[in-house]
Amino acid sequence: MPEDEAITLTKGSRYRIVSIETREKAMVSHGTFRGYATIGQDEAVNLELDESHQSQSGKTRLIPTHMILAVDIVDQVKETKEKAKVPEKMFG
């Protein structure tokens, strides 16, 4: 990755996220990033849990961004920017 390229979370990428569970304990989540969500006024990371979570595999976990301690990149998918579609005809 070039030095001047910013790191962003991209949909479809796999991450290991360490977040606050209690004052004394951290929670580790492994899974595929599905985007961002909101919980009230707070933003959250939407993570689809992988098979390492056994019975919770495939479930969605929302992790409030202010609770995140660390993000490990397991498998980064390149972000693709779609071209804006130009309408063929305009009515109005």
N, C-alpha and C. Protein backbone atom coordinates (compact mmCIF):
# COMPACT_ATOMS: atom_id res chain seq x y z
N MET A 1 0.85 -1.18 0.00
CA MET A 1 0.00 0.00 0.00
C MET A 1 0.90 1.24 0.00
N PRO A 2 0.67 2.17 -0.93
CA PRO A 2 1.48 3.38 -0.98
C PRO A 2 1.33 4.20 0.30
N GLU A 3 2.40 4.91 0.66
CA GLU A 3 2.39 5.69 1.90
C GLU A 3 1.31 6.76 1.93
N ASP A 4 1.03 7.39 0.80
CA ASP A 4 0.08 8.50 0.78
C ASP A 4 -1.37 8.05 0.64
N GLU A 5 -1.61 6.73 0.52
CA GLU A 5 -2.96 6.22 0.37
C GLU A 5 -3.60 6.04 1.75
N ALA A 6 -4.78 6.61 1.93
CA ALA A 6 -5.49 6.49 3.20
C ALA A 6 -6.07 5.10 3.36
N ILE A 7 -6.11 4.62 4.59
CA ILE A 7 -6.72 3.32 4.87
C ILE A 7 -8.18 3.57 5.23
N THR A 8 -9.06 2.90 4.52
CA THR A 8 -10.49 2.99 4.81
C THR A 8 -11.07 1.59 4.93
N LEU A 9 -12.10 1.45 5.74
CA LEU A 9 -12.80 0.18 5.82
C LEU A 9 -13.63 0.03 4.56
N THR A 10 -13.50 -1.10 3.89
CA THR A 10 -14.22 -1.31 2.64
C THR A 10 -15.16 -2.51 2.77
N LYS A 11 -16.33 -2.39 2.18
CA LYS A 11 -17.32 -3.46 2.23
C LYS A 11 -16.75 -4.73 1.63
N GLY A 12 -16.99 -5.84 2.31
CA GLY A 12 -16.50 -7.12 1.85
C GLY A 12 -15.15 -7.51 2.42
N SER A 13 -14.45 -6.56 3.05
CA SER A 13 -13.16 -6.85 3.65
C SER A 13 -13.36 -7.57 4.99
N ARG A 14 -12.35 -8.34 5.38
CA ARG A 14 -12.42 -9.05 6.65
C ARG A 14 -11.52 -8.36 7.66
N TYR A 15 -12.07 -8.17 8.87
CA TYR A 15 -11.36 -7.48 9.93
C TYR A 15 -11.47 -8.23 11.25
N ARG A 16 -10.53 -7.96 12.13
CA ARG A 16 -10.56 -8.39 13.53
C ARG A 16 -10.64 -7.10 14.32
N ILE A 17 -11.73 -6.91 15.04
CA ILE A 17 -11.95 -5.66 15.77
C ILE A 17 -11.96 -5.94 17.26
N VAL A 18 -11.13 -5.19 18.00
CA VAL A 18 -11.10 -5.27 19.45
C VAL A 18 -11.84 -4.05 19.97
N SER A 19 -12.85 -4.30 20.80
CA SER A 19 -13.65 -3.20 21.34
C SER A 19 -13.88 -3.40 22.83
N ILE A 20 -14.39 -2.38 23.47
CA ILE A 20 -14.65 -2.42 24.91
C ILE A 20 -15.90 -3.26 25.17
N GLU A 21 -15.78 -4.28 26.05
CA GLU A 21 -16.94 -5.05 26.49
C GLU A 21 -17.34 -4.59 27.89
N THR A 22 -16.38 -4.57 28.81
CA THR A 22 -16.57 -4.02 30.15
C THR A 22 -15.32 -3.20 30.47
N ARG A 23 -15.27 -2.61 31.66
CA ARG A 23 -14.08 -1.83 32.03
C ARG A 23 -12.83 -2.69 32.08
N GLU A 24 -13.01 -3.95 32.44
CA GLU A 24 -11.86 -4.85 32.61
C GLU A 24 -11.64 -5.80 31.44
N LYS A 25 -12.56 -5.86 30.50
CA LYS A 25 -12.48 -6.88 29.46
C LYS A 25 -12.74 -6.29 28.07
N ALA A 26 -11.96 -6.77 27.11
CA ALA A 26 -12.16 -6.37 25.72
C ALA A 26 -12.93 -7.47 24.99
N MET A 27 -13.68 -7.09 23.95
CA MET A 27 -14.39 -8.04 23.11
C MET A 27 -13.69 -8.09 21.76
N VAL A 28 -13.45 -9.29 21.25
CA VAL A 28 -12.80 -9.46 19.95
C VAL A 28 -13.85 -9.99 18.97
N SER A 29 -13.98 -9.31 17.84
CA SER A 29 -14.94 -9.69 16.81
C SER A 29 -14.20 -9.93 15.51
N HIS A 30 -14.49 -11.07 14.86
CA HIS A 30 -13.91 -11.42 13.55
C HIS A 30 -15.05 -11.46 12.55
N GLY A 31 -14.86 -10.84 11.39
CA GLY A 31 -15.91 -10.95 10.39
C GLY A 31 -15.70 -10.06 9.19
N THR A 32 -16.76 -9.97 8.40
CA THR A 32 -16.76 -9.22 7.15
C THR A 32 -17.48 -7.90 7.35
N PHE A 33 -16.83 -6.83 6.93
CA PHE A 33 -17.39 -5.49 7.06
C PHE A 33 -18.53 -5.30 6.06
N ARG A 34 -19.69 -4.89 6.55
CA ARG A 34 -20.86 -4.69 5.69
C ARG A 34 -21.27 -3.22 5.58
N GLY A 35 -20.55 -2.33 6.25
CA GLY A 35 -20.87 -0.92 6.14
C GLY A 35 -21.00 -0.28 7.51
N TYR A 36 -21.61 0.88 7.52
CA TYR A 36 -21.81 1.62 8.76
C TYR A 36 -23.29 1.66 9.08
N ALA A 37 -23.59 1.88 10.35
CA ALA A 37 -24.97 1.98 10.82
C ALA A 37 -25.02 3.09 11.87
N THR A 38 -26.22 3.45 12.25
CA THR A 38 -26.37 4.41 13.34
C THR A 38 -27.18 3.78 14.45
N ILE A 39 -26.79 4.10 15.67
CA ILE A 39 -27.52 3.70 16.86
C ILE A 39 -27.82 5.00 17.59
N GLY A 40 -29.03 5.49 17.45
CA GLY A 40 -29.35 6.81 18.01
C GLY A 40 -28.50 7.86 17.31
N GLN A 41 -27.68 8.55 18.10
CA GLN A 41 -26.80 9.59 17.56
C GLN A 41 -25.40 9.05 17.23
N ASP A 42 -25.13 7.79 17.59
CA ASP A 42 -23.80 7.23 17.43
C ASP A 42 -23.66 6.44 16.13
N GLU A 43 -22.46 6.49 15.55
CA GLU A 43 -22.15 5.67 14.38
C GLU A 43 -21.61 4.33 14.86
N ALA A 44 -21.86 3.30 14.06
CA ALA A 44 -21.38 1.96 14.41
C ALA A 44 -20.85 1.27 13.17
N VAL A 45 -19.97 0.31 13.39
CA VAL A 45 -19.44 -0.55 12.34
C VAL A 45 -20.34 -1.78 12.26
N ASN A 46 -20.75 -2.14 11.06
CA ASN A 46 -21.62 -3.29 10.83
C ASN A 46 -20.72 -4.45 10.39
N LEU A 47 -20.61 -5.47 11.25
CA LEU A 47 -19.72 -6.60 10.99
C LEU A 47 -20.52 -7.90 10.98
N GLU A 48 -20.41 -8.65 9.88
CA GLU A 48 -21.04 -9.98 9.82
C GLU A 48 -20.04 -10.97 10.41
N LEU A 49 -20.41 -11.59 11.53
CA LEU A 49 -19.50 -12.46 12.26
C LEU A 49 -19.17 -13.72 11.48
N ASP A 50 -17.91 -14.17 11.57
CA ASP A 50 -17.49 -15.37 10.84
C ASP A 50 -17.64 -16.63 11.70
N GLU A 51 -17.17 -17.75 11.16
CA GLU A 51 -17.36 -19.05 11.81
C GLU A 51 -16.62 -19.17 13.14
N SER A 52 -15.67 -18.31 13.44
CA SER A 52 -14.96 -18.38 14.72
C SER A 52 -15.89 -18.04 15.90
N HIS A 53 -17.04 -17.47 15.60
CA HIS A 53 -18.02 -17.12 16.64
C HIS A 53 -19.05 -18.23 16.86
N GLN A 54 -18.82 -19.37 16.26
CA GLN A 54 -19.63 -20.58 16.41
C GLN A 54 -21.13 -20.32 16.24
N SER A 55 -21.91 -20.31 17.30
CA SER A 55 -23.37 -20.20 17.18
C SER A 55 -23.82 -18.83 16.67
N GLN A 56 -22.96 -17.83 16.74
CA GLN A 56 -23.31 -16.50 16.24
C GLN A 56 -22.81 -16.25 14.82
N SER A 57 -22.22 -17.26 14.21
CA SER A 57 -21.70 -17.13 12.86
C SER A 57 -22.81 -16.68 11.90
N GLY A 58 -22.50 -15.68 11.08
CA GLY A 58 -23.47 -15.17 10.11
C GLY A 58 -24.35 -14.06 10.67
N LYS A 59 -24.34 -13.86 11.98
CA LYS A 59 -25.13 -12.79 12.59
C LYS A 59 -24.42 -11.46 12.41
N THR A 60 -25.17 -10.38 12.52
CA THR A 60 -24.61 -9.04 12.38
C THR A 60 -24.33 -8.45 13.76
N ARG A 61 -23.14 -7.89 13.92
CA ARG A 61 -22.78 -7.20 15.16
C ARG A 61 -22.53 -5.73 14.82
N LEU A 62 -23.21 -4.84 15.54
CA LEU A 62 -22.97 -3.41 15.41
C LEU A 62 -22.06 -2.99 16.56
N ILE A 63 -20.92 -2.42 16.22
CA ILE A 63 -19.95 -1.99 17.22
C ILE A 63 -19.86 -0.47 17.15
N PRO A 64 -20.32 0.24 18.20
CA PRO A 64 -20.21 1.70 18.19
C PRO A 64 -18.75 2.12 17.99
N THR A 65 -18.53 3.09 17.13
CA THR A 65 -17.15 3.48 16.78
C THR A 65 -16.38 4.00 17.99
N HIS A 66 -17.05 4.62 18.95
CA HIS A 66 -16.33 5.14 20.11
C HIS A 66 -15.91 4.02 21.07
N MET A 67 -16.34 2.78 20.82
CA MET A 67 -15.97 1.64 21.66
C MET A 67 -14.80 0.83 21.06
N ILE A 68 -14.39 1.17 19.85
CA ILE A 68 -13.34 0.41 19.15
C ILE A 68 -11.96 0.79 19.69
N LEU A 69 -11.18 -0.24 20.03
CA LEU A 69 -9.82 -0.05 20.51
C LEU A 69 -8.80 -0.29 19.41
N ALA A 70 -9.06 -1.29 18.55
CA ALA A 70 -8.11 -1.63 17.48
C ALA A 70 -8.83 -2.35 16.35
N VAL A 71 -8.30 -2.17 15.14
CA VAL A 71 -8.81 -2.87 13.96
C VAL A 71 -7.63 -3.51 13.25
N ASP A 72 -7.68 -4.84 13.11
CA ASP A 72 -6.66 -5.57 12.37
C ASP A 72 -7.24 -5.91 11.00
N ILE A 73 -6.48 -5.62 9.95
CA ILE A 73 -6.92 -5.93 8.60
C ILE A 73 -6.51 -7.36 8.29
N VAL A 74 -7.49 -8.24 8.09
CA VAL A 74 -7.23 -9.64 7.78
C VAL A 74 -7.16 -9.82 6.27
N ASP A 75 -8.13 -9.26 5.55
CA ASP A 75 -8.19 -9.36 4.09
C ASP A 75 -8.87 -8.10 3.56
N GLN A 76 -8.09 -7.22 2.95
CA GLN A 76 -8.60 -5.93 2.47
C GLN A 76 -9.04 -6.03 1.02
N VAL A 77 -10.28 -5.67 0.75
CA VAL A 77 -10.81 -5.62 -0.61
C VAL A 77 -10.62 -4.21 -1.13
N LYS A 78 -10.14 -4.11 -2.35
CA LYS A 78 -9.95 -2.78 -2.96
C LYS A 78 -11.29 -2.08 -3.12
N GLU A 79 -11.33 -0.81 -2.79
CA GLU A 79 -12.55 -0.03 -2.95
C GLU A 79 -12.72 0.33 -4.42
N THR A 80 -13.91 0.06 -4.94
CA THR A 80 -14.19 0.41 -6.33
C THR A 80 -15.14 1.60 -6.36
N LYS A 81 -14.76 2.58 -7.12
CA LYS A 81 -15.60 3.76 -7.27
C LYS A 81 -16.41 3.60 -8.55
N GLU A 82 -17.71 3.58 -8.39
CA GLU A 82 -18.57 3.43 -9.56
C GLU A 82 -18.72 4.78 -10.25
N LYS A 83 -18.75 4.72 -11.58
CA LYS A 83 -18.97 5.94 -12.34
C LYS A 83 -20.42 6.35 -12.22
N ALA A 84 -20.64 7.65 -12.14
CA ALA A 84 -22.01 8.14 -12.09
C ALA A 84 -22.69 7.85 -13.41
N LYS A 85 -23.90 7.34 -13.33
CA LYS A 85 -24.63 7.03 -14.56
C LYS A 85 -25.17 8.32 -15.17
N VAL A 86 -24.93 8.48 -16.44
CA VAL A 86 -25.41 9.66 -17.16
C VAL A 86 -26.74 9.29 -17.79
N PRO A 87 -27.79 10.04 -17.47
CA PRO A 87 -29.09 9.70 -18.06
C PRO A 87 -29.05 9.91 -19.58
N GLU A 88 -29.66 8.98 -20.30
CA GLU A 88 -29.69 9.09 -21.75
C GLU A 88 -30.66 10.14 -22.21
N LYS A 89 -31.79 10.23 -21.52
CA LYS A 89 -32.81 11.21 -21.88
C LYS A 89 -33.24 11.93 -20.62
N MET A 90 -33.58 13.19 -20.81
CA MET A 90 -34.07 13.96 -19.67
C MET A 90 -35.47 14.46 -19.98
N PHE A 91 -36.34 14.32 -19.03
CA PHE A 91 -37.71 14.78 -19.17
C PHE A 91 -37.95 15.89 -18.16
N GLY A 92 -38.82 16.79 -18.47
CA GLY A 92 -39.07 17.78 -17.45
C GLY A 92 -39.78 18.91 -17.93
